[in-house]
């Protein structure tokens, strides 16, 4: 009786392996995004008054968008319904990193 149960449990574990492997990829994307947000935030702080207030507000808006997308990505990762949610988490994290990069590019162009 125990052998069929063990074989069934093993089969289920094998089927779930790709799902959990995708879940381990999400934190790498989160870390890269957090590092980019931190880099641009630090550069904005270091730029100080060299960046006009209107441009500073635009850089902040891009960084806020990045943070919002990252929070959504973490939500999809922490409460997944399946592979789709992990895929969305990665997509949102990568999009958030792109927003942070755009903030950095804008900062460089306006005096940062």
PDB file of N, CA and C in Angstrom:
ATOM      1  N   UNK A   1       0.808  -1.185   0.000  1.00  0.00           N
ATOM      2  CA  UNK A   1       0.000   0.000   0.000  1.00  0.00           C
ATOM      3  C   UNK A   1       0.860   1.261   0.000  1.00  0.00           C
ATOM      4  N   UNK A   2       1.993   1.229   0.642  1.00  0.00           N
ATOM      5  CA  UNK A   2       2.853   2.405   0.717  1.00  0.00           C
ATOM      6  C   UNK A   2       3.567   2.679  -0.604  1.00  0.00           C
ATOM      7  N   UNK A   3       3.874   1.670  -1.373  1.00  0.00           N
ATOM      8  CA  UNK A   3       4.602   1.884  -2.630  1.00  0.00           C
ATOM      9  C   UNK A   3       3.793   2.700  -3.626  1.00  0.00           C
ATOM     10  N   UNK A   4       2.509   2.427  -3.865  1.00  0.00           N
ATOM     11  CA  UNK A   4       1.754   3.265  -4.802  1.00  0.00           C
ATOM     12  C   UNK A   4       1.660   4.711  -4.319  1.00  0.00           C
ATOM     13  N   UNK A   5       1.509   4.902  -3.010  1.00  0.00           N
ATOM     14  CA  UNK A   5       1.434   6.262  -2.473  1.00  0.00           C
ATOM     15  C   UNK A   5       2.748   6.995  -2.707  1.00  0.00           C
ATOM     16  N   UNK A   6       3.864   6.338  -2.433  1.00  0.00           N
ATOM     17  CA  UNK A   6       5.169   6.951  -2.622  1.00  0.00           C
ATOM     18  C   UNK A   6       5.407   7.270  -4.095  1.00  0.00           C
ATOM     19  N   UNK A   7       5.021   6.357  -4.977  1.00  0.00           N
ATOM     20  CA  UNK A   7       5.193   6.599  -6.406  1.00  0.00           C
ATOM     21  C   UNK A   7       4.323   7.773  -6.853  1.00  0.00           C
ATOM     22  N   UNK A   8       3.111   7.861  -6.344  1.00  0.00           N
ATOM     23  CA  UNK A   8       2.219   8.971  -6.681  1.00  0.00           C
ATOM     24  C   UNK A   8       2.752  10.300  -6.177  1.00  0.00           C
ATOM     25  N   UNK A   9       3.255  10.305  -4.968  1.00  0.00           N
ATOM     26  CA  UNK A   9       3.816  11.524  -4.398  1.00  0.00           C
ATOM     27  C   UNK A   9       5.040  11.975  -5.186  1.00  0.00           C
ATOM     28  N   UNK A  10       5.848  11.021  -5.608  1.00  0.00           N
ATOM     29  CA  UNK A  10       7.033  11.336  -6.407  1.00  0.00           C
ATOM     30  C   UNK A  10       6.624  11.926  -7.752  1.00  0.00           C
ATOM     31  N   UNK A  11       5.601  11.350  -8.365  1.00  0.00           N
ATOM     32  CA  UNK A  11       5.128  11.851  -9.656  1.00  0.00           C
ATOM     33  C   UNK A  11       4.599  13.276  -9.518  1.00  0.00           C
ATOM     34  N   UNK A  12       3.870  13.555  -8.454  1.00  0.00           N
ATOM     35  CA  UNK A  12       3.353  14.909  -8.232  1.00  0.00           C
ATOM     36  C   UNK A  12       4.515  15.884  -8.014  1.00  0.00           C
ATOM     37  N   UNK A  13       5.511  15.465  -7.253  1.00  0.00           N
ATOM     38  CA  UNK A  13       6.672  16.314  -7.010  1.00  0.00           C
ATOM     39  C   UNK A  13       7.402  16.632  -8.308  1.00  0.00           C
ATOM     40  N   UNK A  14       7.523  15.654  -9.182  1.00  0.00           N
ATOM     41  CA  UNK A  14       8.179  15.884 -10.472  1.00  0.00           C
ATOM     42  C   UNK A  14       7.386  16.862 -11.332  1.00  0.00           C
ATOM     43  N   UNK A  15       6.071  16.772 -11.279  1.00  0.00           N
ATOM     44  CA  UNK A  15       5.241  17.682 -12.072  1.00  0.00           C
ATOM     45  C   UNK A  15       5.322  19.113 -11.547  1.00  0.00           C
ATOM     46  N   UNK A  16       5.490  19.281 -10.254  1.00  0.00           N
ATOM     47  CA  UNK A  16       5.554  20.614  -9.667  1.00  0.00           C
ATOM     48  C   UNK A  16       6.949  21.220  -9.730  1.00  0.00           C
ATOM     49  N   UNK A  17       7.945  20.445 -10.054  1.00  0.00           N
ATOM     50  CA  UNK A  17       9.318  20.925 -10.091  1.00  0.00           C
ATOM     51  C   UNK A  17       9.502  22.117 -11.027  1.00  0.00           C
ATOM     52  N   UNK A  18       9.007  22.092 -12.251  1.00  0.00           N
ATOM     53  CA  UNK A  18       9.190  23.266 -13.098  1.00  0.00           C
ATOM     54  C   UNK A  18       8.515  24.514 -12.531  1.00  0.00           C
ATOM     55  N   UNK A  19       7.380  24.374 -11.877  1.00  0.00           N
ATOM     56  CA  UNK A  19       6.692  25.506 -11.272  1.00  0.00           C
ATOM     57  C   UNK A  19       7.552  26.128 -10.181  1.00  0.00           C
ATOM     58  N   UNK A  20       8.102  25.318  -9.337  1.00  0.00           N
ATOM     59  CA  UNK A  20       8.925  25.856  -8.258  1.00  0.00           C
ATOM     60  C   UNK A  20      10.249  26.386  -8.779  1.00  0.00           C
ATOM     61  N   UNK A  21      10.764  25.834  -9.868  1.00  0.00           N
ATOM     62  CA  UNK A  21      12.008  26.350 -10.445  1.00  0.00           C
ATOM     63  C   UNK A  21      11.788  27.769 -10.950  1.00  0.00           C
ATOM     64  N   UNK A  22      10.621  28.031 -11.550  1.00  0.00           N
ATOM     65  CA  UNK A  22      10.308  29.376 -12.006  1.00  0.00           C
ATOM     66  C   UNK A  22      10.207  30.346 -10.843  1.00  0.00           C
ATOM     67  N   UNK A  23       9.722  29.868  -9.728  1.00  0.00           N
ATOM     68  CA  UNK A  23       9.579  30.715  -8.547  1.00  0.00           C
ATOM     69  C   UNK A  23      10.936  31.168  -8.035  1.00  0.00           C
ATOM     70  N   UNK A  24      11.956  30.332  -8.187  1.00  0.00           N
ATOM     71  CA  UNK A  24      13.285  30.696  -7.713  1.00  0.00           C
ATOM     72  C   UNK A  24      13.928  31.745  -8.610  1.00  0.00           C
ATOM     73  N   UNK A  25      13.419  31.924  -9.812  1.00  0.00           N
ATOM     74  CA  UNK A  25      13.962  32.918 -10.735  1.00  0.00           C
ATOM     75  C   UNK A  25      13.475  34.327 -10.388  1.00  0.00           C
ATOM     76  N   UNK A  26      12.300  34.435  -9.811  1.00  0.00           N
ATOM     77  CA  UNK A  26      11.716  35.742  -9.486  1.00  0.00           C
ATOM     78  C   UNK A  26      12.636  36.589  -8.596  1.00  0.00           C
ATOM     79  N   UNK A  27      13.174  36.049  -7.503  1.00  0.00           N
ATOM     80  CA  UNK A  27      14.003  36.880  -6.625  1.00  0.00           C
ATOM     81  C   UNK A  27      15.219  37.500  -7.322  1.00  0.00           C
ATOM     82  N   UNK A  28      15.764  36.838  -8.328  1.00  0.00           N
ATOM     83  CA  UNK A  28      16.893  37.417  -9.074  1.00  0.00           C
ATOM     84  C   UNK A  28      16.451  38.690  -9.784  1.00  0.00           C
ATOM     85  N   UNK A  29      15.269  38.653 -10.367  1.00  0.00           N
ATOM     86  CA  UNK A  29      14.741  39.823 -11.056  1.00  0.00           C
ATOM     87  C   UNK A  29      14.416  40.933 -10.060  1.00  0.00           C
ATOM     88  N   UNK A  30      13.898  40.558  -8.900  1.00  0.00           N
ATOM     89  CA  UNK A  30      13.590  41.546  -7.865  1.00  0.00           C
ATOM     90  C   UNK A  30      14.868  42.240  -7.397  1.00  0.00           C
ATOM     91  N   UNK A  31      15.905  41.466  -7.170  1.00  0.00           N
ATOM     92  CA  UNK A  31      17.166  42.033  -6.677  1.00  0.00           C
ATOM     93  C   UNK A  31      17.774  43.005  -7.690  1.00  0.00           C
ATOM     94  N   UNK A  32      17.737  42.634  -8.966  1.00  0.00           N
ATOM     95  CA  UNK A  32      18.282  43.518  -9.997  1.00  0.00           C
ATOM     96  C   UNK A  32      17.494  44.822 -10.065  1.00  0.00           C
ATOM     97  N   UNK A  33      16.192  44.719  -9.928  1.00  0.00           N
ATOM     98  CA  UNK A  33      15.338  45.909  -9.973  1.00  0.00           C
ATOM     99  C   UNK A  33      15.581  46.790  -8.761  1.00  0.00           C
ATOM    100  N   UNK A  34      15.657  46.183  -7.585  1.00  0.00           N
ATOM    101  CA  UNK A  34      15.907  46.952  -6.363  1.00  0.00           C
ATOM    102  C   UNK A  34      17.260  47.665  -6.435  1.00  0.00           C
ATOM    103  N   UNK A  35      18.258  47.001  -7.006  1.00  0.00           N
ATOM    104  CA  UNK A  35      19.581  47.615  -7.141  1.00  0.00           C
ATOM    105  C   UNK A  35      19.529  48.821  -8.084  1.00  0.00           C
ATOM    106  N   UNK A  36      18.784  48.706  -9.170  1.00  0.00           N
ATOM    107  CA  UNK A  36      18.674  49.819 -10.119  1.00  0.00           C
ATOM    108  C   UNK A  36      17.924  50.994  -9.490  1.00  0.00           C
ATOM    109  N   UNK A  37      16.852  50.708  -8.780  1.00  0.00           N
ATOM    110  CA  UNK A  37      16.103  51.776  -8.096  1.00  0.00           C
ATOM    111  C   UNK A  37      17.005  52.472  -7.081  1.00  0.00           C
ATOM    112  N   UNK A  38      17.767  51.707  -6.318  1.00  0.00           N
ATOM    113  CA  UNK A  38      18.671  52.282  -5.316  1.00  0.00           C
ATOM    114  C   UNK A  38      19.757  53.123  -5.979  1.00  0.00           C
ATOM    115  N   UNK A  39      20.281  52.650  -7.095  1.00  0.00           N
ATOM    116  CA  UNK A  39      21.345  53.377  -7.808  1.00  0.00           C
ATOM    117  C   UNK A  39      20.838  54.740  -8.271  1.00  0.00           C
ATOM    118  N   UNK A  40      19.675  54.756  -8.889  1.00  0.00           N
ATOM    119  CA  UNK A  40      19.125  56.012  -9.409  1.00  0.00           C
ATOM    120  C   UNK A  40      18.723  56.937  -8.260  1.00  0.00           C
ATOM    121  N   UNK A  41      18.152  56.384  -7.206  1.00  0.00           N
ATOM    122  CA  UNK A  41      17.772  57.203  -6.049  1.00  0.00           C
ATOM    123  C   UNK A  41      18.995  57.870  -5.435  1.00  0.00           C
ATOM    124  N   UNK A  42      20.080  57.128  -5.340  1.00  0.00           N
ATOM    125  CA  UNK A  42      21.320  57.674  -4.778  1.00  0.00           C
ATOM    126  C   UNK A  42      21.881  58.764  -5.692  1.00  0.00           C
ATOM    127  N   UNK A  43      21.830  58.532  -6.997  1.00  0.00           N
ATOM    128  CA  UNK A  43      22.315  59.537  -7.943  1.00  0.00           C
ATOM    129  C   UNK A  43      21.469  60.803  -7.891  1.00  0.00           C
ATOM    130  N   UNK A  44      20.169  60.648  -7.722  1.00  0.00           N
ATOM    131  CA  UNK A  44      19.281  61.808  -7.626  1.00  0.00           C
ATOM    132  C   UNK A  44      19.603  62.615  -6.367  1.00  0.00           C
ATOM    133  N   UNK A  45      19.840  61.914  -5.292  1.00  0.00           N
ATOM    134  CA  UNK A  45      20.189  62.589  -4.041  1.00  0.00           C
ATOM    135  C   UNK A  45      21.525  63.314  -4.176  1.00  0.00           C
ATOM    136  N   UNK A  46      22.482  62.672  -4.828  1.00  0.00           N
ATOM    137  CA  UNK A  46      23.803  63.276  -5.003  1.00  0.00           C
ATOM    138  C   UNK A  46      23.758  64.480  -5.936  1.00  0.00           C
ATOM    139  N   UNK A  47      22.823  64.484  -6.885  1.00  0.00           N
ATOM    140  CA  UNK A  47      22.728  65.587  -7.837  1.00  0.00           C
ATOM    141  C   UNK A  47      22.277  66.872  -7.160  1.00  0.00           C
ATOM    142  N   UNK A  48      21.489  66.726  -6.127  1.00  0.00           N
ATOM    143  CA  UNK A  48      21.057  67.896  -5.363  1.00  0.00           C
ATOM    144  C   UNK A  48      20.369  68.947  -6.200  1.00  0.00           C
ATOM    145  N   UNK A  49      20.818  70.195  -6.054  1.00  0.00           N
ATOM    146  CA  UNK A  49      20.179  71.336  -6.715  1.00  0.00           C
ATOM    147  C   UNK A  49      20.533  71.463  -8.192  1.00  0.00           C
ATOM    148  N   UNK A  50      21.424  70.631  -8.683  1.00  0.00           N
ATOM    149  CA  UNK A  50      21.762  70.693 -10.116  1.00  0.00           C
ATOM    150  C   UNK A  50      20.587  70.270 -10.984  1.00  0.00           C
ATOM    151  N   UNK A  51      19.627  69.563 -10.392  1.00  0.00           N
ATOM    152  CA  UNK A  51      18.448  69.112 -11.126  1.00  0.00           C
ATOM    153  C   UNK A  51      17.288  70.043 -10.786  1.00  0.00           C
ATOM    154  N   UNK A  52      16.730  70.710 -11.810  1.00  0.00           N
ATOM    155  CA  UNK A  52      15.582  71.589 -11.553  1.00  0.00           C
ATOM    156  C   UNK A  52      14.421  70.824 -10.908  1.00  0.00           C
ATOM    157  N   UNK A  53      13.638  71.519 -10.122  1.00  0.00           N
ATOM    158  CA  UNK A  53      12.548  70.893  -9.367  1.00  0.00           C
ATOM    159  C   UNK A  53      11.572  70.139 -10.273  1.00  0.00           C
ATOM    160  N   UNK A  54      11.239  70.704 -11.425  1.00  0.00           N
ATOM    161  CA  UNK A  54      10.289  70.047 -12.330  1.00  0.00           C
ATOM    162  C   UNK A  54      10.858  68.723 -12.845  1.00  0.00           C
ATOM    163  N   UNK A  55      12.144  68.730 -13.181  1.00  0.00           N
ATOM    164  CA  UNK A  55      12.774  67.497 -13.664  1.00  0.00           C
ATOM    165  C   UNK A  55      12.933  66.478 -12.540  1.00  0.00           C
ATOM    166  N   UNK A  56      13.233  66.967 -11.359  1.00  0.00           N
ATOM    167  CA  UNK A  56      13.345  66.080 -10.190  1.00  0.00           C
ATOM    168  C   UNK A  56      12.012  65.366  -9.954  1.00  0.00           C
ATOM    169  N   UNK A  57      10.906  66.088 -10.118  1.00  0.00           N
ATOM    170  CA  UNK A  57       9.576  65.490  -9.937  1.00  0.00           C
ATOM    171  C   UNK A  57       9.330  64.403 -10.982  1.00  0.00           C
ATOM    172  N   UNK A  58       9.792  64.620 -12.205  1.00  0.00           N
ATOM    173  CA  UNK A  58       9.612  63.611 -13.250  1.00  0.00           C
ATOM    174  C   UNK A  58      10.441  62.356 -12.968  1.00  0.00           C
ATOM    175  N   UNK A  59      11.650  62.543 -12.478  1.00  0.00           N
ATOM    176  CA  UNK A  59      12.491  61.388 -12.114  1.00  0.00           C
ATOM    177  C   UNK A  59      11.825  60.620 -10.973  1.00  0.00           C
ATOM    178  N   UNK A  60      11.317  61.355  -9.998  1.00  0.00           N
ATOM    179  CA  UNK A  60      10.607  60.716  -8.882  1.00  0.00           C
ATOM    180  C   UNK A  60       9.390  59.945  -9.375  1.00  0.00           C
ATOM    181  N   UNK A  61       8.669  60.501 -10.346  1.00  0.00           N
ATOM    182  CA  UNK A  61       7.473  59.824 -10.871  1.00  0.00           C
ATOM    183  C   UNK A  61       7.854  58.494 -11.515  1.00  0.00           C
ATOM    184  N   UNK A  62       8.943  58.484 -12.272  1.00  0.00           N
ATOM    185  CA  UNK A  62       9.396  57.229 -12.882  1.00  0.00           C
ATOM    186  C   UNK A  62       9.828  56.224 -11.818  1.00  0.00           C
ATOM    187  N   UNK A  63      10.520  56.701 -10.799  1.00  0.00           N
ATOM    188  CA  UNK A  63      10.932  55.805  -9.714  1.00  0.00           C
ATOM    189  C   UNK A  63       9.721  55.276  -8.946  1.00  0.00           C
ATOM    190  N   UNK A  64       8.716  56.116  -8.742  1.00  0.00           N
ATOM    191  CA  UNK A  64       7.493  55.662  -8.063  1.00  0.00           C
ATOM    192  C   UNK A  64       6.781  54.588  -8.886  1.00  0.00           C
ATOM    193  N   UNK A  65       6.749  54.775 -10.212  1.00  0.00           N
ATOM    194  CA  UNK A  65       6.161  53.745 -11.087  1.00  0.00           C
ATOM    195  C   UNK A  65       6.933  52.437 -10.966  1.00  0.00           C
ATOM    196  N   UNK A  66       8.252  52.548 -10.916  1.00  0.00           N
ATOM    197  CA  UNK A  66       9.091  51.353 -10.785  1.00  0.00           C
ATOM    198  C   UNK A  66       8.796  50.631  -9.475  1.00  0.00           C
ATOM    199  N   UNK A  67       8.680  51.387  -8.402  1.00  0.00           N
ATOM    200  CA  UNK A  67       8.404  50.789  -7.089  1.00  0.00           C
ATOM    201  C   UNK A  67       7.021  50.132  -7.063  1.00  0.00           C
ATOM    202  N   UNK A  68       6.050  50.773  -7.715  1.00  0.00           N
ATOM    203  CA  UNK A  68       4.702  50.212  -7.758  1.00  0.00           C
ATOM    204  C   UNK A  68       4.687  48.896  -8.535  1.00  0.00           C
ATOM    205  N   UNK A  69       5.364  48.871  -9.677  1.00  0.00           N
ATOM    206  CA  UNK A  69       5.428  47.637 -10.465  1.00  0.00           C
ATOM    207  C   UNK A  69       6.153  46.536  -9.697  1.00  0.00           C
ATOM    208  N   UNK A  70       7.218  46.901  -9.002  1.00  0.00           N
ATOM    209  CA  UNK A  70       7.960  45.907  -8.219  1.00  0.00           C
ATOM    210  C   UNK A  70       7.088  45.327  -7.107  1.00  0.00           C
ATOM    211  N   UNK A  71       6.302  46.165  -6.462  1.00  0.00           N
ATOM    212  CA  UNK A  71       5.392  45.672  -5.417  1.00  0.00           C
ATOM    213  C   UNK A  71       4.375  44.704  -6.017  1.00  0.00           C
ATOM    214  N   UNK A  72       3.869  45.016  -7.205  1.00  0.00           N
ATOM    215  CA  UNK A  72       2.947  44.108  -7.881  1.00  0.00           C
ATOM    216  C   UNK A  72       3.607  42.794  -8.248  1.00  0.00           C
ATOM    217  N   UNK A  73       4.858  42.876  -8.658  1.00  0.00           N
ATOM    218  CA  UNK A  73       5.604  41.664  -9.008  1.00  0.00           C
ATOM    219  C   UNK A  73       5.773  40.764  -7.786  1.00  0.00           C
ATOM    220  N   UNK A  74       6.103  41.374  -6.666  1.00  0.00           N
ATOM    221  CA  UNK A  74       6.279  40.592  -5.436  1.00  0.00           C
ATOM    222  C   UNK A  74       4.968  39.968  -4.991  1.00  0.00           C
ATOM    223  N   UNK A  75       3.871  40.682  -5.202  1.00  0.00           N
ATOM    224  CA  UNK A  75       2.559  40.133  -4.856  1.00  0.00           C
ATOM    225  C   UNK A  75       2.259  38.902  -5.708  1.00  0.00           C
ATOM    226  N   UNK A  76       2.507  38.994  -7.016  1.00  0.00           N
ATOM    227  CA  UNK A  76       2.274  37.841  -7.890  1.00  0.00           C
ATOM    228  C   UNK A  76       3.147  36.654  -7.499  1.00  0.00           C
ATOM    229  N   UNK A  77       4.353  36.939  -7.044  1.00  0.00           N
ATOM    230  CA  UNK A  77       5.281  35.874  -6.656  1.00  0.00           C
ATOM    231  C   UNK A  77       4.871  35.225  -5.338  1.00  0.00           C
ATOM    232  N   UNK A  78       4.412  36.035  -4.389  1.00  0.00           N
ATOM    233  CA  UNK A  78       4.087  35.519  -3.058  1.00  0.00           C
ATOM    234  C   UNK A  78       2.749  34.802  -3.002  1.00  0.00           C
ATOM    235  N   UNK A  79       1.838  35.150  -3.886  1.00  0.00           N
ATOM    236  CA  UNK A  79       0.510  34.525  -3.885  1.00  0.00           C
ATOM    237  C   UNK A  79       0.198  33.963  -5.271  1.00  0.00           C
ATOM    238  N   UNK A  80       1.045  33.063  -5.752  1.00  0.00           N
ATOM    239  CA  UNK A  80       0.852  32.567  -7.120  1.00  0.00           C
ATOM    240  C   UNK A  80      -0.320  31.597  -7.224  1.00  0.00           C
ATOM    241  N   UNK A  81      -0.999  31.670  -8.338  1.00  0.00           N
ATOM    242  CA  UNK A  81      -2.047  30.705  -8.660  1.00  0.00           C
ATOM    243  C   UNK A  81      -1.504  29.653  -9.622  1.00  0.00           C
ATOM    244  N   UNK A  82      -0.317  29.886 -10.153  1.00  0.00           N
ATOM    245  CA  UNK A  82       0.296  28.951 -11.092  1.00  0.00           C
ATOM    246  C   UNK A  82       1.483  29.595 -11.788  1.00  0.00           C
ATOM    247  N   UNK A  83       1.924  28.959 -12.855  1.00  0.00           N
ATOM    248  CA  UNK A  83       3.083  29.438 -13.609  1.00  0.00           C
ATOM    249  C   UNK A  83       2.856  30.832 -14.170  1.00  0.00           C
ATOM    250  N   UNK A  84       1.621  31.119 -14.535  1.00  0.00           N
ATOM    251  CA  UNK A  84       1.278  32.419 -15.106  1.00  0.00           C
ATOM    252  C   UNK A  84       1.646  33.553 -14.154  1.00  0.00           C
ATOM    253  N   UNK A  85       1.378  33.371 -12.866  1.00  0.00           N
ATOM    254  CA  UNK A  85       1.680  34.427 -11.901  1.00  0.00           C
ATOM    255  C   UNK A  85       3.177  34.648 -11.746  1.00  0.00           C
ATOM    256  N   UNK A  86       3.958  33.585 -11.832  1.00  0.00           N
ATOM    257  CA  UNK A  86       5.414  33.763 -11.770  1.00  0.00           C
ATOM    258  C   UNK A  86       5.907  34.454 -13.040  1.00  0.00           C
ATOM    259  N   UNK A  87       5.312  34.129 -14.173  1.00  0.00           N
ATOM    260  CA  UNK A  87       5.682  34.809 -15.412  1.00  0.00           C
ATOM    261  C   UNK A  87       5.341  36.295 -15.320  1.00  0.00           C
ATOM    262  N   UNK A  88       4.170  36.607 -14.779  1.00  0.00           N
ATOM    263  CA  UNK A  88       3.776  38.014 -14.600  1.00  0.00           C
ATOM    264  C   UNK A  88       4.710  38.713 -13.613  1.00  0.00           C
ATOM    265  N   UNK A  89       5.123  38.017 -12.571  1.00  0.00           N
ATOM    266  CA  UNK A  89       6.032  38.612 -11.591  1.00  0.00           C
ATOM    267  C   UNK A  89       7.344  39.004 -12.251  1.00  0.00           C
ATOM    268  N   UNK A  90       7.866  38.135 -13.078  1.00  0.00           N
ATOM    269  CA  UNK A  90       9.123  38.431 -13.777  1.00  0.00           C
ATOM    270  C   UNK A  90       8.919  39.582 -14.751  1.00  0.00           C
ATOM    271  N   UNK A  91       7.817  39.564 -15.485  1.00  0.00           N
ATOM    272  CA  UNK A  91       7.536  40.637 -16.445  1.00  0.00           C
ATOM    273  C   UNK A  91       7.404  41.981 -15.735  1.00  0.00           C
ATOM    274  N   UNK A  92       6.704  41.996 -14.613  1.00  0.00           N
ATOM    275  CA  UNK A  92       6.535  43.245 -13.869  1.00  0.00           C
ATOM    276  C   UNK A  92       7.867  43.727 -13.293  1.00  0.00           C
ATOM    277  N   UNK A  93       8.670  42.801 -12.792  1.00  0.00           N
ATOM    278  CA  UNK A  93       9.974  43.184 -12.238  1.00  0.00           C
ATOM    279  C   UNK A  93      10.872  43.755 -13.327  1.00  0.00           C
ATOM    280  N   UNK A  94      10.863  43.130 -14.491  1.00  0.00           N
ATOM    281  CA  UNK A  94      11.681  43.631 -15.597  1.00  0.00           C
ATOM    282  C   UNK A  94      11.172  44.992 -16.090  1.00  0.00           C
ATOM    283  N   UNK A  95       9.868  45.164 -16.101  1.00  0.00           N
ATOM    284  CA  UNK A  95       9.294  46.459 -16.475  1.00  0.00           C
ATOM    285  C   UNK A  95       9.673  47.524 -15.451  1.00  0.00           C
ATOM    286  N   UNK A  96       9.637  47.163 -14.196  1.00  0.00           N
ATOM    287  CA  UNK A  96      10.022  48.095 -13.136  1.00  0.00           C
ATOM    288  C   UNK A  96      11.480  48.513 -13.298  1.00  0.00           C
ATOM    289  N   UNK A  97      12.329  47.575 -13.646  1.00  0.00           N
ATOM    290  CA  UNK A  97      13.747  47.900 -13.858  1.00  0.00           C
ATOM    291  C   UNK A  97      13.898  48.854 -15.039  1.00  0.00           C
ATOM    292  N   UNK A  98      13.084  48.666 -16.079  1.00  0.00           N
ATOM    293  CA  UNK A  98      13.126  49.564 -17.232  1.00  0.00           C
ATOM    294  C   UNK A  98      12.693  50.980 -16.836  1.00  0.00           C
ATOM    295  N   UNK A  99      11.684  51.095 -15.981  1.00  0.00           N
ATOM    296  CA  UNK A  99      11.274  52.413 -15.497  1.00  0.00           C
ATOM    297  C   UNK A  99      12.409  53.064 -14.703  1.00  0.00           C
ATOM    298  N   UNK A 100      13.085  52.290 -13.878  1.00  0.00           N
ATOM    299  CA  UNK A 100      14.197  52.835 -13.099  1.00  0.00           C
ATOM    300  C   UNK A 100      15.336  53.266 -14.018  1.00  0.00           C
ATOM    301  N   UNK A 101      15.608  52.483 -15.045  1.00  0.00           N
ATOM    302  CA  UNK A 101      16.648  52.872 -16.019  1.00  0.00           C
ATOM    303  C   UNK A 101      16.261  54.160 -16.728  1.00  0.00           C
ATOM    304  N   UNK A 102      14.988  54.273 -17.099  1.00  0.00           N
ATOM    305  CA  UNK A 102      14.514  55.489 -17.758  1.00  0.00           C
ATOM    306  C   UNK A 102      14.680  56.694 -16.833  1.00  0.00           C
ATOM    307  N   UNK A 103      14.407  56.500 -15.558  1.00  0.00           N
ATOM    308  CA  UNK A 103      14.612  57.573 -14.584  1.00  0.00           C
ATOM    309  C   UNK A 103      16.084  57.975 -14.548  1.00  0.00           C
ATOM    310  N   UNK A 104      16.960  56.990 -14.593  1.00  0.00           N
ATOM    311  CA  UNK A 104      18.396  57.271 -14.603  1.00  0.00           C
ATOM    312  C   UNK A 104      18.832  58.015 -15.858  1.00  0.00           C
ATOM    313  N   UNK A 105      18.293  57.622 -17.003  1.00  0.00           N
ATOM    314  CA  UNK A 105      18.622  58.319 -18.252  1.00  0.00           C
ATOM    315  C   UNK A 105      18.128  59.759 -18.224  1.00  0.00           C
ATOM    316  N   UNK A 106      16.918  59.958 -17.723  1.00  0.00           N
ATOM    317  CA  UNK A 106      16.380  61.317 -17.610  1.00  0.00           C
ATOM    318  C   UNK A 106      17.244  62.142 -16.671  1.00  0.00           C
ATOM    319  N   UNK A 107      17.629  61.562 -15.571  1.00  0.00           N
ATOM    320  CA  UNK A 107      18.469  62.261 -14.601  1.00  0.00           C
ATOM    321  C   UNK A 107      19.793  62.703 -15.231  1.00  0.00           C
ATOM    322  N   UNK A 108      20.391  61.821 -16.009  1.00  0.00           N
ATOM    323  CA  UNK A 108      21.664  62.177 -16.677  1.00  0.00           C
ATOM    324  C   UNK A 108      21.485  63.339 -17.647  1.00  0.00           C
ATOM    325  N   UNK A 109      20.347  63.366 -18.319  1.00  0.00           N
ATOM    326  CA  UNK A 109      20.121  64.406 -19.328  1.00  0.00           C
ATOM    327  C   UNK A 109      19.772  65.767 -18.736  1.00  0.00           C
ATOM    328  N   UNK A 110      19.245  65.769 -17.520  1.00  0.00           N
ATOM    329  CA  UNK A 110      18.818  67.044 -16.933  1.00  0.00           C
ATOM    330  C   UNK A 110      19.811  67.599 -15.917  1.00  0.00           C
ATOM    331  N   UNK A 111      20.930  66.935 -15.781  1.00  0.00           N
ATOM    332  CA  UNK A 111      21.968  67.519 -14.911  1.00  0.00           C
ATOM    333  C   UNK A 111      22.409  66.670 -13.758  1.00  0.00           C
ATOM    334  N   UNK A 112      22.042  65.394 -13.738  1.00  0.00           N
ATOM    335  CA  UNK A 112      22.399  64.536 -12.610  1.00  0.00           C
ATOM    336  C   UNK A 112      23.717  63.896 -12.684  1.00  0.00           C
TER     337      UNK A 112
END
